[in-house]
Every structure is written in C-alpha cells, then in structure tokens.
C-alpha cells in the first residue's frame, strides 16, 4: 500500500503535522544473491553495479532507470510490489524506483490525507550532470496544502 509507511508512523504516535512524504527521482539498486529470487526484500550480496552517469554503486538516477529499460526492453523484467511500487531486475541486478504513475499516486494520497507536505529529492551525491557541474545536492520542499 502506498501509504503504509505513513500509517506506521501515525500508529506509533508520530504527529501528522511532522510527517513529510518523500518522492525521490532516483532508485536503489542491489546485486541479488540469486537471480531467481527477485521480489523486494530478496537476499543481496551488496549494492548494484555503478552506472555511467551517477558512478555510484547501489544508486540509480531516474533517467538512468529509463535509459536502461528503453535500451534493453527484453533484458529487464519490470514488476510492481503489493503497494504498486515498480522494480526491475535483469540477471543478478535489481533496482526499485518511482515511475510517473507511482509519483501521481503518492501525491494524490498525500494531498487527500492529514499530512500535506512532501519533499522531492532531486539529487543524491552525483545524481545529475547539472549537479556535477554545480557541485551541490538539490532538495526542494513543495507545499501541497490547500
């Protein structure tokens, strides 16, 4: 379920006004211990391979995920977990990410609930070539309130 993390925090007593939904434009990657065990939470031997642009193991920029899936559509298998969150795998490589439909669902859920703030993570270390030039990490907070 898209809001399972928010529901968990609320059930543990966190004040709703202190919760903020994060929407990353990047994903996490892992090297699977077994290429036959591909569901989220499967055993891994470590971070996924570094890619050309981000050059960081275990990290995949959204545009790198799009490029990987576009350049090799028959190699990658794309699935969704029980909550509708997409992930992809090929051989022993696995990555999870948010696609446009997933982002819309998160924002819609967030807007209709008691917590009205969200943060969009544009970067993480070496996320984009723009950031490489600027040498900074970008984060923006968007008010999704009334």
N, C-alpha and C. Protein backbone atom coordinates (compact mmCIF):
# COMPACT_ATOMS: atom_id res chain seq x y z
N UNK A 1 0.85 -1.19 0.00
CA UNK A 1 0.00 0.00 0.00
C UNK A 1 0.89 1.24 0.00
N UNK A 2 0.52 2.21 -0.79
CA UNK A 2 1.31 3.42 -0.95
C UNK A 2 1.55 4.16 0.37
N UNK A 3 0.59 4.10 1.26
CA UNK A 3 0.69 4.89 2.49
C UNK A 3 1.09 4.06 3.70
N UNK A 4 1.64 2.88 3.50
CA UNK A 4 1.94 2.01 4.64
C UNK A 4 2.96 2.63 5.58
N UNK A 5 3.96 3.31 5.08
CA UNK A 5 4.95 3.94 5.95
C UNK A 5 4.31 5.06 6.77
N UNK A 6 3.48 5.87 6.13
CA UNK A 6 2.81 6.95 6.85
C UNK A 6 1.89 6.39 7.93
N UNK A 7 1.15 5.34 7.59
CA UNK A 7 0.25 4.72 8.58
C UNK A 7 1.03 4.15 9.75
N UNK A 8 2.19 3.56 9.47
CA UNK A 8 3.01 3.02 10.55
C UNK A 8 3.45 4.12 11.51
N UNK A 9 3.98 5.22 10.95
CA UNK A 9 4.42 6.34 11.81
C UNK A 9 3.26 6.89 12.63
N UNK A 10 2.10 7.06 11.99
CA UNK A 10 0.94 7.58 12.71
C UNK A 10 0.50 6.60 13.81
N UNK A 11 0.53 5.30 13.52
CA UNK A 11 0.11 4.31 14.52
C UNK A 11 1.07 4.27 15.71
N UNK A 12 2.30 4.70 15.50
CA UNK A 12 3.29 4.71 16.58
C UNK A 12 3.28 6.04 17.34
N UNK A 13 2.34 6.93 16.97
CA UNK A 13 2.18 8.17 17.71
C UNK A 13 2.84 9.40 17.12
N UNK A 14 3.39 9.30 15.93
CA UNK A 14 4.01 10.49 15.33
C UNK A 14 2.92 11.50 14.97
N UNK A 15 3.13 12.77 15.29
CA UNK A 15 2.14 13.79 14.93
C UNK A 15 2.09 13.96 13.40
N UNK A 16 0.90 13.94 12.85
CA UNK A 16 0.74 14.02 11.39
C UNK A 16 1.40 15.27 10.82
N UNK A 17 1.36 16.38 11.55
CA UNK A 17 1.92 17.62 11.02
C UNK A 17 3.46 17.58 10.93
N UNK A 18 4.07 16.57 11.54
CA UNK A 18 5.52 16.45 11.48
C UNK A 18 5.98 15.45 10.41
N UNK A 19 5.03 14.81 9.74
CA UNK A 19 5.37 13.84 8.70
C UNK A 19 5.44 14.50 7.33
N UNK A 20 6.39 14.07 6.54
CA UNK A 20 6.54 14.60 5.19
C UNK A 20 6.81 13.42 4.26
N UNK A 21 6.09 13.36 3.18
CA UNK A 21 6.25 12.30 2.20
C UNK A 21 7.41 12.63 1.27
N UNK A 22 8.32 11.70 1.11
CA UNK A 22 9.46 11.90 0.21
C UNK A 22 9.19 11.26 -1.14
N UNK A 23 9.48 11.99 -2.19
CA UNK A 23 9.32 11.47 -3.55
C UNK A 23 10.66 11.59 -4.25
N UNK A 24 11.41 10.50 -4.29
CA UNK A 24 12.74 10.56 -4.90
C UNK A 24 12.68 10.42 -6.41
N UNK A 25 13.59 11.07 -7.08
CA UNK A 25 13.76 10.88 -8.52
C UNK A 25 15.01 10.06 -8.76
N UNK A 26 15.18 9.07 -7.91
CA UNK A 26 16.27 8.12 -8.02
C UNK A 26 15.81 6.82 -7.39
N UNK A 27 16.56 5.76 -7.60
CA UNK A 27 16.23 4.48 -7.02
C UNK A 27 17.45 3.85 -6.39
N UNK A 28 17.24 2.75 -5.75
CA UNK A 28 18.32 1.99 -5.13
C UNK A 28 18.48 0.68 -5.89
N UNK A 29 19.72 0.28 -6.03
CA UNK A 29 19.99 -0.96 -6.76
C UNK A 29 20.79 -1.92 -5.90
N UNK A 30 20.62 -3.21 -6.20
CA UNK A 30 21.28 -4.26 -5.44
C UNK A 30 21.74 -5.36 -6.38
N UNK A 31 22.74 -6.11 -5.94
CA UNK A 31 23.16 -7.32 -6.63
C UNK A 31 22.53 -8.48 -5.87
N UNK A 32 21.65 -9.20 -6.55
CA UNK A 32 20.92 -10.30 -5.91
C UNK A 32 21.84 -11.49 -5.65
N UNK A 33 21.62 -12.16 -4.54
CA UNK A 33 22.35 -13.38 -4.25
C UNK A 33 21.94 -14.47 -5.24
N UNK A 34 20.64 -14.52 -5.55
CA UNK A 34 20.12 -15.47 -6.52
C UNK A 34 19.29 -14.72 -7.55
N UNK A 35 19.61 -14.86 -8.84
CA UNK A 35 18.79 -14.19 -9.86
C UNK A 35 17.38 -14.76 -9.98
N UNK A 36 17.10 -15.82 -9.23
CA UNK A 36 15.76 -16.42 -9.25
C UNK A 36 14.89 -15.91 -8.11
N UNK A 37 15.49 -15.18 -7.18
CA UNK A 37 14.75 -14.57 -6.07
C UNK A 37 14.76 -13.07 -6.29
N UNK A 38 13.66 -12.55 -6.85
CA UNK A 38 13.68 -11.16 -7.33
C UNK A 38 12.69 -10.23 -6.65
N UNK A 39 11.91 -10.72 -5.73
CA UNK A 39 10.93 -9.85 -5.06
C UNK A 39 11.65 -8.87 -4.13
N UNK A 40 11.03 -7.70 -3.88
CA UNK A 40 11.63 -6.76 -2.92
C UNK A 40 11.90 -7.47 -1.60
N UNK A 41 13.07 -7.24 -1.05
CA UNK A 41 13.46 -7.87 0.19
C UNK A 41 14.25 -9.15 0.00
N UNK A 42 14.43 -9.58 -1.27
CA UNK A 42 15.24 -10.77 -1.53
C UNK A 42 16.68 -10.53 -1.10
N UNK A 43 17.37 -11.60 -0.80
CA UNK A 43 18.76 -11.50 -0.35
C UNK A 43 19.64 -10.89 -1.43
N UNK A 44 20.56 -10.06 -0.98
CA UNK A 44 21.51 -9.46 -1.92
C UNK A 44 22.92 -9.59 -1.35
N UNK A 45 23.88 -9.53 -2.25
CA UNK A 45 25.28 -9.60 -1.81
C UNK A 45 25.88 -8.21 -1.68
N UNK A 46 25.10 -7.19 -1.99
CA UNK A 46 25.59 -5.83 -1.87
C UNK A 46 24.89 -4.90 -2.83
N UNK A 47 25.51 -3.76 -3.02
CA UNK A 47 24.95 -2.72 -3.90
C UNK A 47 24.96 -3.18 -5.35
N UNK A 48 24.07 -2.57 -6.15
CA UNK A 48 24.07 -2.83 -7.58
C UNK A 48 25.26 -2.18 -8.25
N UNK A 49 25.53 -2.58 -9.48
CA UNK A 49 26.65 -2.02 -10.23
C UNK A 49 26.50 -0.52 -10.44
N UNK A 50 27.60 0.18 -10.44
CA UNK A 50 27.55 1.62 -10.73
C UNK A 50 27.23 1.81 -12.21
N UNK A 51 26.55 2.89 -12.51
CA UNK A 51 26.17 3.20 -13.89
C UNK A 51 26.98 4.37 -14.41
N UNK A 52 26.82 4.65 -15.68
CA UNK A 52 27.65 5.62 -16.38
C UNK A 52 27.56 7.04 -15.82
N UNK A 53 26.35 7.48 -15.49
CA UNK A 53 26.18 8.88 -15.10
C UNK A 53 26.37 9.11 -13.60
N UNK A 54 25.73 8.28 -12.79
CA UNK A 54 25.83 8.50 -11.35
C UNK A 54 27.16 8.00 -10.78
N UNK A 55 27.72 7.00 -11.38
CA UNK A 55 29.01 6.43 -10.98
C UNK A 55 29.04 6.13 -9.48
N UNK A 56 27.98 5.49 -9.00
CA UNK A 56 27.90 5.14 -7.59
C UNK A 56 27.18 3.81 -7.46
N UNK A 57 27.81 2.86 -6.83
CA UNK A 57 27.18 1.57 -6.61
C UNK A 57 25.94 1.73 -5.73
N UNK A 58 24.88 0.99 -6.08
CA UNK A 58 23.68 0.99 -5.26
C UNK A 58 22.73 2.15 -5.50
N UNK A 59 23.03 2.96 -6.49
CA UNK A 59 22.24 4.16 -6.74
C UNK A 59 21.96 4.27 -8.23
N UNK A 60 20.72 4.58 -8.58
CA UNK A 60 20.36 4.74 -9.99
C UNK A 60 19.46 5.97 -10.13
N UNK A 61 19.91 6.91 -10.93
CA UNK A 61 19.10 8.10 -11.20
C UNK A 61 17.88 7.68 -12.02
N UNK A 62 16.79 8.42 -11.89
CA UNK A 62 15.57 8.06 -12.62
C UNK A 62 15.84 7.98 -14.11
N UNK A 63 16.60 8.93 -14.66
CA UNK A 63 16.85 8.91 -16.10
C UNK A 63 17.72 7.71 -16.49
N UNK A 64 18.55 7.22 -15.57
CA UNK A 64 19.32 6.01 -15.86
C UNK A 64 18.41 4.78 -15.88
N UNK A 65 17.43 4.75 -14.99
CA UNK A 65 16.46 3.65 -14.99
C UNK A 65 15.70 3.65 -16.31
N UNK A 66 15.23 4.83 -16.73
CA UNK A 66 14.50 4.94 -18.00
C UNK A 66 15.37 4.47 -19.17
N UNK A 67 16.62 4.91 -19.18
CA UNK A 67 17.53 4.53 -20.27
C UNK A 67 17.78 3.02 -20.28
N UNK A 68 18.02 2.44 -19.10
CA UNK A 68 18.27 1.00 -19.03
C UNK A 68 17.07 0.22 -19.56
N UNK A 69 15.87 0.61 -19.15
CA UNK A 69 14.67 -0.10 -19.58
C UNK A 69 14.39 0.11 -21.07
N UNK A 70 14.68 1.29 -21.58
CA UNK A 70 14.46 1.59 -23.01
C UNK A 70 15.50 0.89 -23.89
N UNK A 71 16.76 0.95 -23.47
CA UNK A 71 17.84 0.38 -24.29
C UNK A 71 17.82 -1.14 -24.34
N UNK A 72 17.26 -1.77 -23.34
CA UNK A 72 17.25 -3.23 -23.27
C UNK A 72 15.90 -3.72 -22.76
N UNK A 73 14.82 -3.46 -23.52
CA UNK A 73 13.47 -3.79 -23.04
C UNK A 73 13.24 -5.28 -22.85
N UNK A 74 13.94 -6.11 -23.58
CA UNK A 74 13.76 -7.56 -23.45
C UNK A 74 14.65 -8.16 -22.37
N UNK A 75 15.62 -7.40 -21.90
CA UNK A 75 16.53 -7.90 -20.88
C UNK A 75 16.01 -7.68 -19.47
N UNK A 76 15.37 -6.52 -19.24
CA UNK A 76 14.86 -6.17 -17.91
C UNK A 76 13.43 -6.65 -17.76
N UNK A 77 13.10 -7.16 -16.61
CA UNK A 77 11.73 -7.51 -16.26
C UNK A 77 11.25 -6.47 -15.26
N UNK A 78 10.10 -5.87 -15.53
CA UNK A 78 9.54 -4.85 -14.64
C UNK A 78 8.32 -5.43 -13.95
N UNK A 79 8.26 -5.26 -12.65
CA UNK A 79 7.14 -5.72 -11.83
C UNK A 79 6.73 -4.63 -10.86
N UNK A 80 5.61 -4.85 -10.18
CA UNK A 80 5.18 -3.96 -9.10
C UNK A 80 5.00 -4.80 -7.84
N UNK A 81 5.35 -4.22 -6.69
CA UNK A 81 5.11 -4.92 -5.44
C UNK A 81 3.64 -4.77 -5.05
N UNK A 82 3.26 -5.30 -3.89
CA UNK A 82 1.86 -5.26 -3.45
C UNK A 82 1.32 -3.84 -3.35
N UNK A 83 2.19 -2.87 -3.12
CA UNK A 83 1.78 -1.48 -2.98
C UNK A 83 1.78 -0.70 -4.29
N UNK A 84 2.10 -1.37 -5.39
CA UNK A 84 2.12 -0.68 -6.68
C UNK A 84 3.43 0.02 -6.97
N UNK A 85 4.47 -0.28 -6.20
CA UNK A 85 5.77 0.34 -6.41
C UNK A 85 6.58 -0.47 -7.42
N UNK A 86 7.08 0.18 -8.47
CA UNK A 86 7.78 -0.57 -9.51
C UNK A 86 9.20 -0.96 -9.11
N UNK A 87 9.64 -2.07 -9.68
CA UNK A 87 11.03 -2.50 -9.57
C UNK A 87 11.37 -3.28 -10.82
N UNK A 88 12.66 -3.40 -11.10
CA UNK A 88 13.11 -4.10 -12.31
C UNK A 88 14.30 -4.97 -11.95
N UNK A 89 14.46 -6.05 -12.71
CA UNK A 89 15.60 -6.93 -12.50
C UNK A 89 16.05 -7.55 -13.81
N UNK A 90 17.33 -7.86 -13.84
CA UNK A 90 17.96 -8.50 -15.01
C UNK A 90 19.17 -9.25 -14.49
N UNK A 91 19.17 -10.56 -14.64
CA UNK A 91 20.26 -11.35 -14.07
C UNK A 91 20.30 -11.14 -12.58
N UNK A 92 21.46 -10.76 -12.07
CA UNK A 92 21.58 -10.55 -10.63
C UNK A 92 21.44 -9.07 -10.23
N UNK A 93 21.07 -8.22 -11.18
CA UNK A 93 20.90 -6.79 -10.88
C UNK A 93 19.42 -6.47 -10.66
N UNK A 94 19.15 -5.65 -9.65
CA UNK A 94 17.79 -5.31 -9.24
C UNK A 94 17.77 -3.83 -8.86
N UNK A 95 16.72 -3.12 -9.27
CA UNK A 95 16.54 -1.75 -8.77
C UNK A 95 15.07 -1.43 -8.57
N UNK A 96 14.81 -0.63 -7.56
CA UNK A 96 13.48 -0.12 -7.27
C UNK A 96 13.47 1.37 -7.52
N UNK A 97 12.35 1.90 -7.97
CA UNK A 97 12.25 3.31 -8.35
C UNK A 97 10.80 3.75 -8.33
N UNK A 98 10.55 5.03 -8.46
CA UNK A 98 9.20 5.56 -8.61
C UNK A 98 9.01 5.99 -10.05
N UNK A 99 7.94 5.52 -10.70
CA UNK A 99 7.63 5.96 -12.05
C UNK A 99 6.56 7.06 -11.98
N UNK A 100 6.22 7.68 -13.11
CA UNK A 100 5.24 8.78 -13.06
C UNK A 100 3.91 8.40 -12.41
N UNK A 101 3.40 7.20 -12.70
CA UNK A 101 2.13 6.77 -12.11
C UNK A 101 2.25 6.65 -10.59
N UNK A 102 3.37 6.14 -10.13
CA UNK A 102 3.62 5.97 -8.71
C UNK A 102 3.72 7.33 -8.02
N UNK A 103 4.38 8.29 -8.65
CA UNK A 103 4.51 9.64 -8.08
C UNK A 103 3.13 10.29 -7.99
N UNK A 104 2.32 10.18 -9.04
CA UNK A 104 0.97 10.75 -9.02
C UNK A 104 0.16 10.13 -7.88
N UNK A 105 0.26 8.82 -7.72
CA UNK A 105 -0.48 8.14 -6.65
C UNK A 105 -0.03 8.65 -5.28
N UNK A 106 1.27 8.81 -5.09
CA UNK A 106 1.78 9.30 -3.80
C UNK A 106 1.31 10.72 -3.52
N UNK A 107 1.39 11.58 -4.52
CA UNK A 107 0.97 12.97 -4.33
C UNK A 107 -0.54 13.03 -4.06
N UNK A 108 -1.32 12.25 -4.79
CA UNK A 108 -2.78 12.23 -4.59
C UNK A 108 -3.11 11.75 -3.20
N UNK A 109 -2.46 10.68 -2.77
CA UNK A 109 -2.68 10.15 -1.43
C UNK A 109 -2.29 11.17 -0.38
N UNK A 110 -1.14 11.78 -0.57
CA UNK A 110 -0.65 12.77 0.38
C UNK A 110 -1.59 13.97 0.46
N UNK A 111 -2.08 14.41 -0.69
CA UNK A 111 -2.95 15.59 -0.74
C UNK A 111 -4.30 15.32 -0.06
N UNK A 112 -4.77 14.07 -0.14
CA UNK A 112 -6.08 13.76 0.43
C UNK A 112 -6.00 13.36 1.90
N UNK A 113 -4.82 13.32 2.47
CA UNK A 113 -4.67 12.87 3.84
C UNK A 113 -4.35 14.04 4.77
N UNK A 114 -4.06 13.70 6.02
CA UNK A 114 -3.80 14.73 7.02
C UNK A 114 -2.43 15.38 6.87
N UNK A 115 -1.51 14.72 6.23
CA UNK A 115 -0.18 15.30 6.04
C UNK A 115 -0.10 15.90 4.64
N UNK A 116 0.14 17.18 4.58
CA UNK A 116 0.04 17.92 3.32
C UNK A 116 1.40 18.34 2.75
N UNK A 117 2.48 17.97 3.39
CA UNK A 117 3.79 18.36 2.90
C UNK A 117 4.47 17.18 2.21
N UNK A 118 5.25 17.49 1.21
CA UNK A 118 6.05 16.47 0.53
C UNK A 118 7.37 17.10 0.14
N UNK A 119 8.36 16.27 0.02
CA UNK A 119 9.65 16.74 -0.45
C UNK A 119 10.02 15.95 -1.69
N UNK A 120 10.57 16.65 -2.65
CA UNK A 120 11.03 16.00 -3.87
C UNK A 120 12.54 15.99 -3.84
N UNK A 121 13.11 14.81 -3.83
CA UNK A 121 14.57 14.69 -3.79
C UNK A 121 15.08 14.66 -5.23
N UNK A 122 15.66 15.77 -5.64
CA UNK A 122 16.21 15.86 -6.99
C UNK A 122 17.59 15.25 -7.06
N UNK A 123 18.23 15.07 -5.93
CA UNK A 123 19.60 14.60 -6.03
C UNK A 123 20.07 13.80 -4.86
N UNK A 124 21.13 13.10 -5.13
CA UNK A 124 21.84 12.33 -4.10
C UNK A 124 23.27 12.21 -4.59
N UNK A 125 24.15 12.88 -3.96
CA UNK A 125 25.56 12.86 -4.33
C UNK A 125 25.77 13.23 -5.81
N UNK A 126 25.87 12.26 -6.69
CA UNK A 126 26.21 12.53 -8.08
C UNK A 126 25.02 12.31 -9.02
N UNK A 127 23.83 12.70 -8.58
CA UNK A 127 22.63 12.34 -9.34
C UNK A 127 22.63 12.83 -10.77
N UNK A 128 22.90 14.08 -11.01
CA UNK A 128 22.74 14.58 -12.37
C UNK A 128 23.99 15.30 -12.84
N UNK A 129 24.10 15.41 -14.14
CA UNK A 129 25.25 16.11 -14.68
C UNK A 129 25.20 17.58 -14.30
N UNK A 130 24.01 18.16 -14.15
CA UNK A 130 23.90 19.54 -13.68
C UNK A 130 24.51 19.68 -12.30
N UNK A 131 24.21 18.72 -11.44
CA UNK A 131 24.76 18.78 -10.10
C UNK A 131 26.27 18.59 -10.10
N UNK A 132 26.75 17.74 -11.01
CA UNK A 132 28.20 17.57 -11.09
C UNK A 132 28.87 18.90 -11.41
N UNK A 133 28.25 19.67 -12.30
CA UNK A 133 28.81 20.97 -12.65
C UNK A 133 28.70 21.94 -11.49
N UNK A 134 27.56 21.93 -10.81
CA UNK A 134 27.33 22.86 -9.71
C UNK A 134 28.00 22.39 -8.42
N UNK A 135 28.21 21.07 -8.32
CA UNK A 135 28.82 20.52 -7.12
C UNK A 135 27.93 20.63 -5.90
N UNK A 136 26.63 20.47 -6.09
CA UNK A 136 25.72 20.59 -4.95
C UNK A 136 24.62 19.57 -5.01
N UNK A 137 24.00 19.35 -3.89
CA UNK A 137 22.86 18.46 -3.79
C UNK A 137 21.59 19.31 -3.76
N UNK A 138 20.65 18.98 -4.61
CA UNK A 138 19.43 19.77 -4.69
C UNK A 138 18.29 19.08 -3.94
N UNK A 139 17.59 19.85 -3.15
CA UNK A 139 16.38 19.37 -2.48
C UNK A 139 15.40 20.54 -2.46
N UNK A 140 14.17 20.25 -2.78
CA UNK A 140 13.14 21.29 -2.75
C UNK A 140 11.96 20.78 -1.97
N UNK A 141 11.36 21.65 -1.21
CA UNK A 141 10.16 21.31 -0.44
C UNK A 141 8.99 21.98 -1.11
N UNK A 142 7.98 21.20 -1.41
CA UNK A 142 6.79 21.72 -2.07
C UNK A 142 5.60 21.63 -1.12
N UNK A 143 4.90 22.72 -0.92
CA UNK A 143 3.71 22.71 -0.07
C UNK A 143 2.54 22.21 -0.88
N UNK A 144 1.97 21.10 -0.47
CA UNK A 144 0.83 20.52 -1.16
C UNK A 144 -0.47 20.78 -0.40
N UNK A 145 -0.44 21.74 0.49
CA UNK A 145 -1.61 22.07 1.29
C UNK A 145 -2.69 22.75 0.46
N UNK A 146 -3.76 23.11 1.11
CA UNK A 146 -4.92 23.71 0.43
C UNK A 146 -4.56 24.88 -0.37
